[in-house]
Amino acid sequence: MVECLNGQYFMVDMGSTNGVEYNGQRLQRKPIVSGDVFSICDHEFRFVVE
């Protein structure tokens, strides 16, 4: 899940089996900025704010 709280965005793992990774590290909750890339299973996602 991408959560916006007080103008700051966070990537939040909702208890998934395979998890969410950022730079090879599994995360539970992490502040994110535009351009950050996450891996979920075999897929990469880039977070972009326009």
PDB file of N, CA and C in Angstrom:
ATOM      1  N   MET A   1       0.853  -1.167   0.000  1.00  0.00           N
ATOM      2  CA  MET A   1       0.000   0.000   0.000  1.00  0.00           C
ATOM      3  C   MET A   1       0.900   1.231   0.000  1.00  0.00           C
ATOM      4  N   VAL A   2       0.480   2.249  -0.743  1.00  0.00           N
ATOM      5  CA  VAL A   2       1.131   3.554  -0.646  1.00  0.00           C
ATOM      6  C   VAL A   2       0.213   4.426   0.191  1.00  0.00           C
ATOM      7  N   GLU A   3       0.767   4.955   1.263  1.00  0.00           N
ATOM      8  CA  GLU A   3       0.004   5.764   2.205  1.00  0.00           C
ATOM      9  C   GLU A   3       0.547   7.185   2.180  1.00  0.00           C
ATOM     10  N   CYS A   4      -0.350   8.166   2.202  1.00  0.00           N
ATOM     11  CA  CYS A   4       0.050   9.562   2.308  1.00  0.00           C
ATOM     12  C   CYS A   4      -0.415  10.072   3.665  1.00  0.00           C
ATOM     13  N   LEU A   5       0.531  10.535   4.457  1.00  0.00           N
ATOM     14  CA  LEU A   5       0.240  11.033   5.796  1.00  0.00           C
ATOM     15  C   LEU A   5       0.925  12.380   5.970  1.00  0.00           C
ATOM     16  N   ASN A   6       0.137  13.440   6.126  1.00  0.00           N
ATOM     17  CA  ASN A   6       0.673  14.795   6.291  1.00  0.00           C
ATOM     18  C   ASN A   6       1.634  15.186   5.166  1.00  0.00           C
ATOM     19  N   GLY A   7       1.320  14.782   3.924  1.00  0.00           N
ATOM     20  CA  GLY A   7       2.129  15.147   2.770  1.00  0.00           C
ATOM     21  C   GLY A   7       3.335  14.261   2.529  1.00  0.00           C
ATOM     22  N   GLN A   8       3.612  13.314   3.406  1.00  0.00           N
ATOM     23  CA  GLN A   8       4.727  12.365   3.236  1.00  0.00           C
ATOM     24  C   GLN A   8       4.152  11.028   2.784  1.00  0.00           C
ATOM     25  N   TYR A   9       4.796  10.411   1.784  1.00  0.00           N
ATOM     26  CA  TYR A   9       4.351   9.114   1.287  1.00  0.00           C
ATOM     27  C   TYR A   9       5.144   7.995   1.940  1.00  0.00           C
ATOM     28  N   PHE A  10       4.464   6.860   2.157  1.00  0.00           N
ATOM     29  CA  PHE A  10       5.076   5.680   2.751  1.00  0.00           C
ATOM     30  C   PHE A  10       4.694   4.445   1.934  1.00  0.00           C
ATOM     31  N   MET A  11       5.634   3.526   1.759  1.00  0.00           N
ATOM     32  CA  MET A  11       5.338   2.200   1.217  1.00  0.00           C
ATOM     33  C   MET A  11       5.125   1.306   2.428  1.00  0.00           C
ATOM     34  N   VAL A  12       3.985   0.607   2.468  1.00  0.00           N
ATOM     35  CA  VAL A  12       3.619  -0.210   3.617  1.00  0.00           C
ATOM     36  C   VAL A  12       3.300  -1.624   3.138  1.00  0.00           C
ATOM     37  N   ASP A  13       3.974  -2.625   3.707  1.00  0.00           N
ATOM     38  CA  ASP A  13       3.641  -4.022   3.427  1.00  0.00           C
ATOM     39  C   ASP A  13       2.461  -4.390   4.310  1.00  0.00           C
ATOM     40  N   MET A  14       1.409  -4.895   3.700  1.00  0.00           N
ATOM     41  CA  MET A  14       0.176  -5.217   4.425  1.00  0.00           C
ATOM     42  C   MET A  14       0.166  -6.669   4.907  1.00  0.00           C
ATOM     43  N   GLY A  15       1.351  -7.252   5.152  1.00  0.00           N
ATOM     44  CA  GLY A  15       1.426  -8.623   5.630  1.00  0.00           C
ATOM     45  C   GLY A  15       1.464  -9.640   4.504  1.00  0.00           C
ATOM     46  N   SER A  16       1.979  -9.221   3.350  1.00  0.00           N
ATOM     47  CA  SER A  16       2.029 -10.116   2.191  1.00  0.00           C
ATOM     48  C   SER A  16       2.983 -11.284   2.431  1.00  0.00           C
ATOM     49  N   THR A  17       2.752 -12.360   1.698  1.00  0.00           N
ATOM     50  CA  THR A  17       3.597 -13.556   1.814  1.00  0.00           C
ATOM     51  C   THR A  17       5.009 -13.294   1.311  1.00  0.00           C
ATOM     52  N   ASN A  18       5.129 -12.664   0.139  1.00  0.00           N
ATOM     53  CA  ASN A  18       6.442 -12.439  -0.476  1.00  0.00           C
ATOM     54  C   ASN A  18       7.096 -11.132  -0.075  1.00  0.00           C
ATOM     55  N   GLY A  19       6.350 -10.233   0.497  1.00  0.00           N
ATOM     56  CA  GLY A  19       6.912  -8.987   0.991  1.00  0.00           C
ATOM     57  C   GLY A  19       7.181  -7.953  -0.085  1.00  0.00           C
ATOM     58  N   VAL A  20       7.654  -6.816   0.371  1.00  0.00           N
ATOM     59  CA  VAL A  20       8.053  -5.696  -0.484  1.00  0.00           C
ATOM     60  C   VAL A  20       9.515  -5.437  -0.195  1.00  0.00           C
ATOM     61  N   GLU A  21      10.324  -5.266  -1.264  1.00  0.00           N
ATOM     62  CA  GLU A  21      11.755  -5.019  -1.082  1.00  0.00           C
ATOM     63  C   GLU A  21      12.147  -3.670  -1.658  1.00  0.00           C
ATOM     64  N   TYR A  22      13.097  -3.027  -0.984  1.00  0.00           N
ATOM     65  CA  TYR A  22      13.698  -1.782  -1.438  1.00  0.00           C
ATOM     66  C   TYR A  22      15.197  -1.948  -1.281  1.00  0.00           C
ATOM     67  N   ASN A  23      15.937  -1.822  -2.380  1.00  0.00           N
ATOM     68  CA  ASN A  23      17.397  -2.045  -2.375  1.00  0.00           C
ATOM     69  C   ASN A  23      17.763  -3.395  -1.771  1.00  0.00           C
ATOM     70  N   GLY A  24      16.976  -4.417  -2.082  1.00  0.00           N
ATOM     71  CA  GLY A  24      17.269  -5.769  -1.620  1.00  0.00           C
ATOM     72  C   GLY A  24      16.878  -6.062  -0.184  1.00  0.00           C
ATOM     73  N   GLN A  25      16.327  -5.085   0.517  1.00  0.00           N
ATOM     74  CA  GLN A  25      15.933  -5.263   1.915  1.00  0.00           C
ATOM     75  C   GLN A  25      14.413  -5.305   2.017  1.00  0.00           C
ATOM     76  N   ARG A  26      13.903  -6.313   2.700  1.00  0.00           N
ATOM     77  CA  ARG A  26      12.461  -6.400   2.914  1.00  0.00           C
ATOM     78  C   ARG A  26      12.032  -5.312   3.895  1.00  0.00           C
ATOM     79  N   LEU A  27      10.883  -4.711   3.641  1.00  0.00           N
ATOM     80  CA  LEU A  27      10.436  -3.628   4.507  1.00  0.00           C
ATOM     81  C   LEU A  27       9.023  -3.861   5.002  1.00  0.00           C
ATOM     82  N   GLN A  28       8.695  -3.209   6.080  1.00  0.00           N
ATOM     83  CA  GLN A  28       7.341  -3.197   6.622  1.00  0.00           C
ATOM     84  C   GLN A  28       6.683  -1.851   6.325  1.00  0.00           C
ATOM     85  N   ARG A  29       7.448  -0.777   6.554  1.00  0.00           N
ATOM     86  CA  ARG A  29       6.958   0.592   6.323  1.00  0.00           C
ATOM     87  C   ARG A  29       8.179   1.466   6.087  1.00  0.00           C
ATOM     88  N   LYS A  30       8.144   2.267   5.006  1.00  0.00           N
ATOM     89  CA  LYS A  30       9.295   3.101   4.675  1.00  0.00           C
ATOM     90  C   LYS A  30       8.833   4.395   4.032  1.00  0.00           C
ATOM     91  N   PRO A  31       9.383   5.537   4.480  1.00  0.00           N
ATOM     92  CA  PRO A  31       9.113   6.789   3.782  1.00  0.00           C
ATOM     93  C   PRO A  31       9.673   6.685   2.361  1.00  0.00           C
ATOM     94  N   ILE A  32       8.946   7.211   1.380  1.00  0.00           N
ATOM     95  CA  ILE A  32       9.396   7.135  -0.003  1.00  0.00           C
ATOM     96  C   ILE A  32       9.304   8.494  -0.672  1.00  0.00           C
ATOM     97  N   VAL A  33      10.106   8.645  -1.729  1.00  0.00           N
ATOM     98  CA  VAL A  33      10.101   9.870  -2.533  1.00  0.00           C
ATOM     99  C   VAL A  33       9.997   9.474  -3.997  1.00  0.00           C
ATOM    100  N   SER A  34       9.618  10.426  -4.835  1.00  0.00           N
ATOM    101  CA  SER A  34       9.488  10.178  -6.259  1.00  0.00           C
ATOM    102  C   SER A  34      10.792   9.613  -6.823  1.00  0.00           C
ATOM    103  N   GLY A  35      10.680   8.527  -7.579  1.00  0.00           N
ATOM    104  CA  GLY A  35      11.840   7.871  -8.179  1.00  0.00           C
ATOM    105  C   GLY A  35      12.264   6.607  -7.469  1.00  0.00           C
ATOM    106  N   ASP A  36      11.803   6.373  -6.240  1.00  0.00           N
ATOM    107  CA  ASP A  36      12.140   5.139  -5.524  1.00  0.00           C
ATOM    108  C   ASP A  36      11.572   3.928  -6.277  1.00  0.00           C
ATOM    109  N   VAL A  37      12.340   2.837  -6.296  1.00  0.00           N
ATOM    110  CA  VAL A  37      11.934   1.607  -6.989  1.00  0.00           C
ATOM    111  C   VAL A  37      11.803   0.486  -5.976  1.00  0.00           C
ATOM    112  N   PHE A  38      10.684  -0.237  -6.042  1.00  0.00           N
ATOM    113  CA  PHE A  38      10.387  -1.330  -5.128  1.00  0.00           C
ATOM    114  C   PHE A  38      10.183  -2.604  -5.912  1.00  0.00           C
ATOM    115  N   SER A  39      10.491  -3.742  -5.286  1.00  0.00           N
ATOM    116  CA  SER A  39      10.226  -5.048  -5.878  1.00  0.00           C
ATOM    117  C   SER A  39       9.119  -5.729  -5.093  1.00  0.00           C
ATOM    118  N   ILE A  40       8.143  -6.227  -5.835  1.00  0.00           N
ATOM    119  CA  ILE A  40       7.061  -7.026  -5.258  1.00  0.00           C
ATOM    120  C   ILE A  40       6.976  -8.268  -6.127  1.00  0.00           C
ATOM    121  N   CYS A  41       7.325  -9.422  -5.546  1.00  0.00           N
ATOM    122  CA  CYS A  41       7.481 -10.678  -6.312  1.00  0.00           C
ATOM    123  C   CYS A  41       8.507 -10.437  -7.408  1.00  0.00           C
ATOM    124  N   ASP A  42       8.175 -10.729  -8.677  1.00  0.00           N
ATOM    125  CA  ASP A  42       9.140 -10.524  -9.779  1.00  0.00           C
ATOM    126  C   ASP A  42       8.948  -9.186 -10.463  1.00  0.00           C
ATOM    127  N   HIS A  43       8.193  -8.279  -9.884  1.00  0.00           N
ATOM    128  CA  HIS A  43       7.864  -7.015 -10.529  1.00  0.00           C
ATOM    129  C   HIS A  43       8.550  -5.852  -9.820  1.00  0.00           C
ATOM    130  N   GLU A  44       9.022  -4.897 -10.631  1.00  0.00           N
ATOM    131  CA  GLU A  44       9.575  -3.664 -10.079  1.00  0.00           C
ATOM    132  C   GLU A  44       8.596  -2.531 -10.324  1.00  0.00           C
ATOM    133  N   PHE A  45       8.423  -1.694  -9.306  1.00  0.00           N
ATOM    134  CA  PHE A  45       7.531  -0.555  -9.382  1.00  0.00           C
ATOM    135  C   PHE A  45       8.302   0.706  -9.030  1.00  0.00           C
ATOM    136  N   ARG A  46       8.129   1.738  -9.840  1.00  0.00           N
ATOM    137  CA  ARG A  46       8.764   3.033  -9.562  1.00  0.00           C
ATOM    138  C   ARG A  46       7.678   3.992  -9.068  1.00  0.00           C
ATOM    139  N   PHE A  47       7.918   4.605  -7.921  1.00  0.00           N
ATOM    140  CA  PHE A  47       6.992   5.567  -7.353  1.00  0.00           C
ATOM    141  C   PHE A  47       7.293   6.930  -7.962  1.00  0.00           C
ATOM    142  N   VAL A  48       6.285   7.539  -8.589  1.00  0.00           N
ATOM    143  CA  VAL A  48       6.467   8.845  -9.241  1.00  0.00           C
ATOM    144  C   VAL A  48       5.352   9.786  -8.789  1.00  0.00           C
ATOM    145  N   VAL A  49       5.736  10.969  -8.365  1.00  0.00           N
ATOM    146  CA  VAL A  49       4.783  12.014  -8.011  1.00  0.00           C
ATOM    147  C   VAL A  49       4.861  13.068  -9.104  1.00  0.00           C
ATOM    148  N   GLU A  50       3.721  13.360  -9.695  1.00  0.00           N
ATOM    149  CA  GLU A  50       3.683  14.382 -10.760  1.00  0.00           C
ATOM    150  C   GLU A  50       2.846  15.558 -10.331  1.00  0.00           C
TER     151      GLU A  50
END
